[in-house]
């Protein structure tokens, strides 16, 4: 059977995970590794906000276009019904 101490302490065997190495190392190199990632995350957030705003504008434009199309269809229906009434009264 494997001793409990061997299971709880993987560093005894000489293998250590990256997270354990980072936790045991000084904080400065860890922060240096994170700074580029944090900058990328900030740039990603800015880009995401920009894309969301563009999407909102696009949706507004689509709603306006849809409303305009509905109004045009109503006008066409009214004109067709007037035309059919005038054609029917001429006969």
N, C-alpha and C. Protein backbone atom coordinates (compact mmCIF):
# COMPACT_ATOMS: atom_id res chain seq x y z
N UNK A 1 0.83 -1.19 0.00
CA UNK A 1 0.00 0.00 0.00
C UNK A 1 0.87 1.25 0.00
N UNK A 2 0.33 2.31 -0.59
CA UNK A 2 1.06 3.57 -0.65
C UNK A 2 0.84 4.33 0.65
N UNK A 3 1.89 4.85 1.17
CA UNK A 3 1.79 5.61 2.42
C UNK A 3 1.05 6.91 2.17
N UNK A 4 0.28 7.32 3.16
CA UNK A 4 -0.51 8.55 3.05
C UNK A 4 0.39 9.77 2.84
N UNK A 5 1.55 9.77 3.43
CA UNK A 5 2.47 10.91 3.28
C UNK A 5 2.93 11.07 1.84
N UNK A 6 3.05 9.95 1.10
CA UNK A 6 3.45 10.03 -0.30
C UNK A 6 2.36 10.65 -1.16
N UNK A 7 1.11 10.38 -0.84
CA UNK A 7 -0.01 10.94 -1.60
C UNK A 7 -0.15 12.42 -1.34
N UNK A 8 0.01 12.81 -0.09
CA UNK A 8 -0.20 14.20 0.29
C UNK A 8 0.96 15.11 -0.09
N UNK A 9 2.15 14.56 -0.32
CA UNK A 9 3.32 15.37 -0.63
C UNK A 9 3.94 14.93 -1.95
N UNK A 10 3.42 15.40 -3.09
CA UNK A 10 3.98 14.97 -4.37
C UNK A 10 5.39 15.51 -4.62
N UNK A 11 5.82 16.52 -3.87
CA UNK A 11 7.15 17.09 -4.08
C UNK A 11 8.26 16.14 -3.62
N UNK A 12 7.92 15.17 -2.81
CA UNK A 12 8.92 14.20 -2.35
C UNK A 12 9.49 13.44 -3.53
N UNK A 13 8.61 13.09 -4.48
CA UNK A 13 9.06 12.32 -5.63
C UNK A 13 9.83 13.17 -6.63
N UNK A 14 9.87 14.45 -6.41
CA UNK A 14 10.62 15.33 -7.30
C UNK A 14 9.76 15.97 -8.37
N UNK A 15 8.49 15.62 -8.47
CA UNK A 15 7.61 16.25 -9.45
C UNK A 15 6.78 17.30 -8.74
N UNK A 16 6.68 18.41 -9.37
CA UNK A 16 5.95 19.53 -8.78
C UNK A 16 5.18 20.21 -9.90
N UNK A 17 3.92 20.49 -9.67
CA UNK A 17 3.11 21.12 -10.72
C UNK A 17 3.52 22.58 -10.90
N UNK A 18 3.12 23.16 -12.03
CA UNK A 18 3.44 24.57 -12.31
C UNK A 18 2.84 25.49 -11.26
N UNK A 19 1.60 25.19 -10.84
CA UNK A 19 0.96 26.06 -9.85
C UNK A 19 1.71 26.00 -8.52
N UNK A 20 2.21 24.82 -8.17
CA UNK A 20 2.99 24.73 -6.93
C UNK A 20 4.30 25.49 -7.05
N UNK A 21 4.94 25.41 -8.20
CA UNK A 21 6.18 26.14 -8.42
C UNK A 21 5.93 27.64 -8.32
N UNK A 22 4.84 28.11 -8.93
CA UNK A 22 4.53 29.54 -8.87
C UNK A 22 4.21 29.98 -7.45
N UNK A 23 3.50 29.12 -6.72
CA UNK A 23 3.14 29.46 -5.35
C UNK A 23 4.38 29.54 -4.46
N UNK A 24 5.34 28.69 -4.74
CA UNK A 24 6.57 28.67 -3.93
C UNK A 24 7.59 29.70 -4.38
N UNK A 25 7.48 30.19 -5.58
CA UNK A 25 8.46 31.16 -6.08
C UNK A 25 8.12 32.56 -5.59
N UNK A 26 9.03 33.47 -5.81
CA UNK A 26 8.79 34.85 -5.39
C UNK A 26 7.68 35.46 -6.25
N UNK A 27 6.95 36.42 -5.71
CA UNK A 27 5.81 36.98 -6.45
C UNK A 27 6.19 37.81 -7.67
N UNK A 28 7.36 38.39 -7.70
CA UNK A 28 7.71 39.27 -8.83
C UNK A 28 7.70 38.57 -10.17
N UNK A 29 8.41 37.45 -10.35
CA UNK A 29 8.35 36.79 -11.67
C UNK A 29 6.93 36.36 -12.03
N UNK A 30 6.18 35.96 -11.03
CA UNK A 30 4.79 35.58 -11.27
C UNK A 30 4.00 36.76 -11.83
N UNK A 31 4.18 37.95 -11.22
CA UNK A 31 3.48 39.15 -11.70
C UNK A 31 3.96 39.55 -13.08
N UNK A 32 5.24 39.39 -13.33
CA UNK A 32 5.77 39.72 -14.66
C UNK A 32 5.14 38.83 -15.73
N UNK A 33 4.89 37.59 -15.38
CA UNK A 33 4.24 36.68 -16.33
C UNK A 33 2.79 37.08 -16.55
N UNK A 34 2.16 37.61 -15.52
CA UNK A 34 0.74 37.96 -15.62
C UNK A 34 0.49 39.28 -16.33
N UNK A 35 1.42 40.22 -16.26
CA UNK A 35 1.19 41.56 -16.82
C UNK A 35 0.81 41.50 -18.30
N UNK A 36 1.52 40.79 -19.17
CA UNK A 36 1.09 40.74 -20.57
C UNK A 36 -0.31 40.13 -20.73
N UNK A 37 -0.61 39.13 -19.91
CA UNK A 37 -1.93 38.51 -19.99
C UNK A 37 -3.01 39.49 -19.55
N UNK A 38 -2.73 40.27 -18.51
CA UNK A 38 -3.70 41.27 -18.03
C UNK A 38 -3.92 42.32 -19.11
N UNK A 39 -2.86 42.75 -19.77
CA UNK A 39 -3.00 43.73 -20.85
C UNK A 39 -3.86 43.16 -21.97
N UNK A 40 -3.63 41.90 -22.32
CA UNK A 40 -4.44 41.27 -23.36
C UNK A 40 -5.91 41.21 -22.94
N UNK A 41 -6.14 40.91 -21.67
CA UNK A 41 -7.52 40.86 -21.18
C UNK A 41 -8.16 42.24 -21.26
N UNK A 42 -7.43 43.28 -20.91
CA UNK A 42 -7.96 44.64 -20.99
C UNK A 42 -8.28 45.01 -22.43
N UNK A 43 -7.37 44.67 -23.35
CA UNK A 43 -7.61 44.95 -24.77
C UNK A 43 -8.82 44.17 -25.27
N UNK A 44 -8.94 42.93 -24.82
CA UNK A 44 -10.08 42.10 -25.21
C UNK A 44 -11.38 42.72 -24.71
N UNK A 45 -11.38 43.18 -23.45
CA UNK A 45 -12.58 43.81 -22.89
C UNK A 45 -12.96 45.06 -23.67
N UNK A 46 -11.97 45.89 -24.01
CA UNK A 46 -12.24 47.10 -24.79
C UNK A 46 -12.83 46.74 -26.14
N UNK A 47 -12.23 45.75 -26.79
CA UNK A 47 -12.72 45.31 -28.10
C UNK A 47 -14.12 44.73 -27.98
N UNK A 48 -14.36 43.99 -26.92
CA UNK A 48 -15.69 43.41 -26.70
C UNK A 48 -16.72 44.52 -26.49
N UNK A 49 -16.39 45.55 -25.74
CA UNK A 49 -17.30 46.68 -25.53
C UNK A 49 -17.58 47.39 -26.85
N UNK A 50 -16.55 47.57 -27.65
CA UNK A 50 -16.72 48.23 -28.95
C UNK A 50 -17.65 47.41 -29.85
N UNK A 51 -17.44 46.11 -29.87
CA UNK A 51 -18.27 45.24 -30.70
C UNK A 51 -19.71 45.24 -30.20
N UNK A 52 -19.90 45.26 -28.89
CA UNK A 52 -21.26 45.30 -28.33
C UNK A 52 -21.97 46.58 -28.75
N UNK A 53 -21.26 47.70 -28.70
CA UNK A 53 -21.86 48.97 -29.12
C UNK A 53 -22.24 48.93 -30.60
N UNK A 54 -21.35 48.37 -31.42
CA UNK A 54 -21.66 48.25 -32.84
C UNK A 54 -22.88 47.36 -33.06
N UNK A 55 -22.97 46.30 -32.27
CA UNK A 55 -24.11 45.40 -32.38
C UNK A 55 -25.40 46.10 -31.98
N UNK A 56 -25.35 46.92 -30.92
CA UNK A 56 -26.53 47.68 -30.51
C UNK A 56 -26.97 48.62 -31.62
N UNK A 57 -26.02 49.32 -32.23
CA UNK A 57 -26.34 50.22 -33.34
C UNK A 57 -26.93 49.44 -34.51
N UNK A 58 -26.36 48.30 -34.81
CA UNK A 58 -26.86 47.46 -35.90
C UNK A 58 -28.29 47.02 -35.62
N UNK A 59 -28.56 46.62 -34.39
CA UNK A 59 -29.92 46.21 -34.02
C UNK A 59 -30.90 47.37 -34.16
N UNK A 60 -30.50 48.56 -33.72
CA UNK A 60 -31.37 49.73 -33.87
C UNK A 60 -31.66 49.99 -35.34
N UNK A 61 -30.62 49.90 -36.16
CA UNK A 61 -30.80 50.10 -37.60
C UNK A 61 -31.75 49.06 -38.18
N UNK A 62 -31.62 47.82 -37.74
CA UNK A 62 -32.49 46.75 -38.25
C UNK A 62 -33.93 46.97 -37.81
N UNK A 63 -34.13 47.45 -36.59
CA UNK A 63 -35.49 47.75 -36.13
C UNK A 63 -36.09 48.87 -36.96
N UNK A 64 -35.32 49.93 -37.20
CA UNK A 64 -35.81 51.03 -38.03
C UNK A 64 -36.14 50.55 -39.43
N UNK A 65 -35.29 49.73 -39.98
CA UNK A 65 -35.51 49.19 -41.32
C UNK A 65 -36.77 48.33 -41.35
N UNK A 66 -36.95 47.50 -40.34
CA UNK A 66 -38.13 46.65 -40.25
C UNK A 66 -39.39 47.50 -40.15
N UNK A 67 -39.38 48.52 -39.30
CA UNK A 67 -40.54 49.40 -39.15
C UNK A 67 -40.85 50.10 -40.46
N UNK A 68 -39.83 50.53 -41.16
CA UNK A 68 -40.02 51.18 -42.45
C UNK A 68 -40.63 50.21 -43.46
N UNK A 69 -40.17 48.99 -43.46
CA UNK A 69 -40.70 47.97 -44.36
C UNK A 69 -42.16 47.68 -44.05
N UNK A 70 -42.50 47.58 -42.79
CA UNK A 70 -43.89 47.34 -42.39
C UNK A 70 -44.78 48.49 -42.87
N UNK A 71 -44.33 49.72 -42.67
CA UNK A 71 -45.12 50.88 -43.11
C UNK A 71 -45.27 50.88 -44.63
N UNK A 72 -44.22 50.56 -45.35
CA UNK A 72 -44.29 50.50 -46.82
C UNK A 72 -45.29 49.44 -47.26
N UNK A 73 -45.27 48.30 -46.62
CA UNK A 73 -46.23 47.24 -46.96
C UNK A 73 -47.66 47.67 -46.68
N UNK A 74 -47.87 48.39 -45.59
CA UNK A 74 -49.23 48.88 -45.28
C UNK A 74 -49.69 49.85 -46.35
N UNK A 75 -48.79 50.77 -46.75
CA UNK A 75 -49.16 51.73 -47.80
C UNK A 75 -49.47 51.02 -49.11
N UNK A 76 -48.67 50.02 -49.45
CA UNK A 76 -48.92 49.27 -50.68
C UNK A 76 -50.26 48.55 -50.61
N UNK A 77 -50.58 47.96 -49.47
CA UNK A 77 -51.87 47.28 -49.30
C UNK A 77 -53.02 48.27 -49.45
N UNK A 78 -52.87 49.47 -48.86
CA UNK A 78 -53.92 50.49 -48.98
C UNK A 78 -54.10 50.91 -50.43
N UNK A 79 -52.99 51.12 -51.12
CA UNK A 79 -53.08 51.54 -52.52
C UNK A 79 -53.70 50.44 -53.38
N UNK A 80 -53.36 49.19 -53.13
CA UNK A 80 -53.95 48.08 -53.88
C UNK A 80 -55.44 47.98 -53.63
N UNK A 81 -55.85 48.17 -52.38
CA UNK A 81 -57.28 48.10 -52.09
C UNK A 81 -58.02 49.27 -52.73
N UNK A 82 -57.45 50.47 -52.75
CA UNK A 82 -58.07 51.61 -53.44
C UNK A 82 -58.16 51.34 -54.94
N UNK A 83 -57.10 50.81 -55.49
CA UNK A 83 -57.07 50.52 -56.92
C UNK A 83 -58.14 49.48 -57.28
N UNK A 84 -58.24 48.44 -56.47
CA UNK A 84 -59.24 47.41 -56.76
C UNK A 84 -60.65 47.97 -56.59
N UNK A 85 -60.87 48.90 -55.67
CA UNK A 85 -62.20 49.52 -55.52
C UNK A 85 -62.53 50.40 -56.71
N UNK A 86 -61.54 51.18 -57.16
CA UNK A 86 -61.80 52.05 -58.32
C UNK A 86 -61.99 51.23 -59.58
N UNK A 87 -61.27 50.15 -59.75
CA UNK A 87 -61.43 49.27 -60.91
C UNK A 87 -62.79 48.58 -60.85
N UNK A 88 -63.21 48.19 -59.66
CA UNK A 88 -64.51 47.53 -59.49
C UNK A 88 -65.66 48.48 -59.76
N UNK A 89 -65.52 49.75 -59.42
CA UNK A 89 -66.61 50.72 -59.63
C UNK A 89 -66.70 51.15 -61.09
N UNK A 90 -65.62 51.06 -61.86
CA UNK A 90 -65.62 51.43 -63.28
C UNK A 90 -66.34 50.38 -64.11
N UNK A 91 -66.36 49.14 -63.66
CA UNK A 91 -66.98 48.08 -64.45
C UNK A 91 -68.43 48.06 -64.26
